[in-house]
Amino acid sequence: MKVFASPTFTTSGQVGGQTSSVYYGYSCTVVTAVGNIQIREGGAAGQVIDVIAATTPAGTLELYSVGIQFDGVIYVEYTGGATGSVVILYE
């Protein structure tokens, strides 16, 4: 297992392999505000697998010892006017 850190997200976008990905968590680098940030499997229309709540403080690290494996990319969606910066931890 080799966990990678994504580039820093400040808007919606995707990371990970086109065929499969494993999601291990996130690091919040700038406090989130207003709306939630949703982590989805497989793309923008995929199932929500994690939610970063509004007001999550900078420096928060959520790291899961067992990753969530699925087909496709990991999609980060800023909802309801969400702001902040996050880094996704993935394989």
Protein backbone atom coordinates (compact mmCIF):
# COMPACT_ATOMS: atom_id res chain seq x y z
CA MET A 1 0.00 0.00 0.00
CA LYS A 2 1.32 3.41 -0.97
CA VAL A 3 -0.89 6.35 -0.06
CA PHE A 4 -0.62 9.49 -2.18
CA ALA A 5 -1.59 13.07 -1.35
CA SER A 6 -3.56 14.88 -4.04
CA PRO A 7 -2.91 18.44 -5.09
CA THR A 8 -4.76 20.90 -2.84
CA PHE A 9 -8.42 21.31 -3.82
CA THR A 10 -10.09 24.72 -3.52
CA THR A 11 -12.91 23.93 -5.97
CA SER A 12 -14.61 20.75 -7.19
CA GLY A 13 -12.39 18.29 -9.06
CA GLN A 14 -11.21 14.71 -9.28
CA VAL A 15 -8.18 12.58 -8.46
CA GLY A 16 -7.25 8.91 -8.66
CA GLY A 17 -7.13 6.18 -11.23
CA GLN A 18 -9.60 5.84 -14.08
CA THR A 19 -10.04 2.12 -13.39
CA SER A 20 -9.96 1.94 -9.59
CA SER A 21 -9.18 4.03 -6.51
CA VAL A 22 -8.85 3.58 -2.76
CA TYR A 23 -9.91 6.51 -0.55
CA TYR A 24 -8.07 6.83 2.79
CA GLY A 25 -9.25 10.22 4.05
CA TYR A 26 -8.37 13.89 3.88
CA SER A 27 -6.40 16.74 5.37
CA CYS A 28 -8.06 20.14 5.73
CA THR A 29 -5.44 22.83 5.07
CA VAL A 30 -7.70 25.93 5.21
CA VAL A 31 -10.83 26.10 7.39
CA THR A 32 -14.03 25.18 5.53
CA ALA A 33 -17.01 27.52 5.64
CA VAL A 34 -20.64 27.82 4.54
CA GLY A 35 -21.29 24.45 2.82
CA ASN A 36 -20.08 20.87 3.07
CA ILE A 37 -17.46 19.27 0.86
CA GLN A 38 -18.62 15.87 -0.39
CA ILE A 39 -16.29 13.07 -1.44
CA ARG A 40 -17.86 10.87 -4.14
CA GLU A 41 -16.84 7.58 -5.69
CA GLY A 42 -16.52 7.24 -9.45
CA GLY A 43 -17.26 10.84 -10.45
CA ALA A 44 -19.65 13.77 -9.96
CA ALA A 45 -22.76 11.55 -10.04
CA GLY A 46 -21.27 8.87 -7.76
CA GLN A 47 -22.30 7.84 -4.27
CA VAL A 48 -21.16 10.07 -1.40
CA ILE A 49 -18.54 8.19 0.65
CA ASP A 50 -17.45 10.97 3.01
CA VAL A 51 -18.48 14.51 3.99
CA ILE A 52 -16.21 17.26 5.25
CA ALA A 53 -18.49 19.44 7.36
CA ALA A 54 -18.61 23.21 7.15
CA THR A 55 -16.39 24.78 9.85
CA THR A 56 -13.89 21.89 9.80
CA PRO A 57 -10.75 23.58 11.17
CA ALA A 58 -7.44 23.82 9.36
CA GLY A 59 -5.08 21.09 10.46
CA THR A 60 -7.77 18.41 10.66
CA LEU A 61 -6.49 15.03 9.46
CA GLU A 62 -9.00 12.23 8.91
CA LEU A 63 -7.08 9.07 8.06
CA TYR A 64 -8.81 5.69 7.79
CA SER A 65 -6.73 2.57 8.47
CA VAL A 66 -8.85 0.64 5.95
CA GLY A 67 -9.50 2.46 2.68
CA ILE A 68 -12.70 2.47 0.63
CA GLN A 69 -12.04 0.77 -2.71
CA PHE A 70 -14.19 1.34 -5.80
CA ASP A 71 -14.06 1.70 -9.58
CA GLY A 72 -13.22 5.07 -11.06
CA VAL A 73 -11.95 8.39 -9.73
CA ILE A 74 -12.43 10.16 -6.41
CA TYR A 75 -14.54 13.28 -6.94
CA VAL A 76 -14.41 16.25 -4.54
CA GLU A 77 -17.57 18.38 -4.66
CA TYR A 78 -17.86 21.79 -3.01
CA THR A 79 -21.59 22.17 -2.21
CA GLY A 80 -23.72 25.08 -1.04
CA GLY A 81 -21.02 27.70 -1.44
CA ALA A 82 -18.39 25.68 0.43
CA THR A 83 -14.93 27.18 0.78
CA GLY A 84 -11.66 25.91 2.18
CA SER A 85 -8.77 23.77 1.01
CA VAL A 86 -8.45 20.00 1.30
CA VAL A 87 -5.94 17.34 0.28
CA ILE A 88 -7.25 13.85 -0.50
CA LEU A 89 -5.32 10.78 0.62
CA TYR A 90 -5.67 7.96 -1.90
CA GLU A 91 -4.10 5.01 -3.63
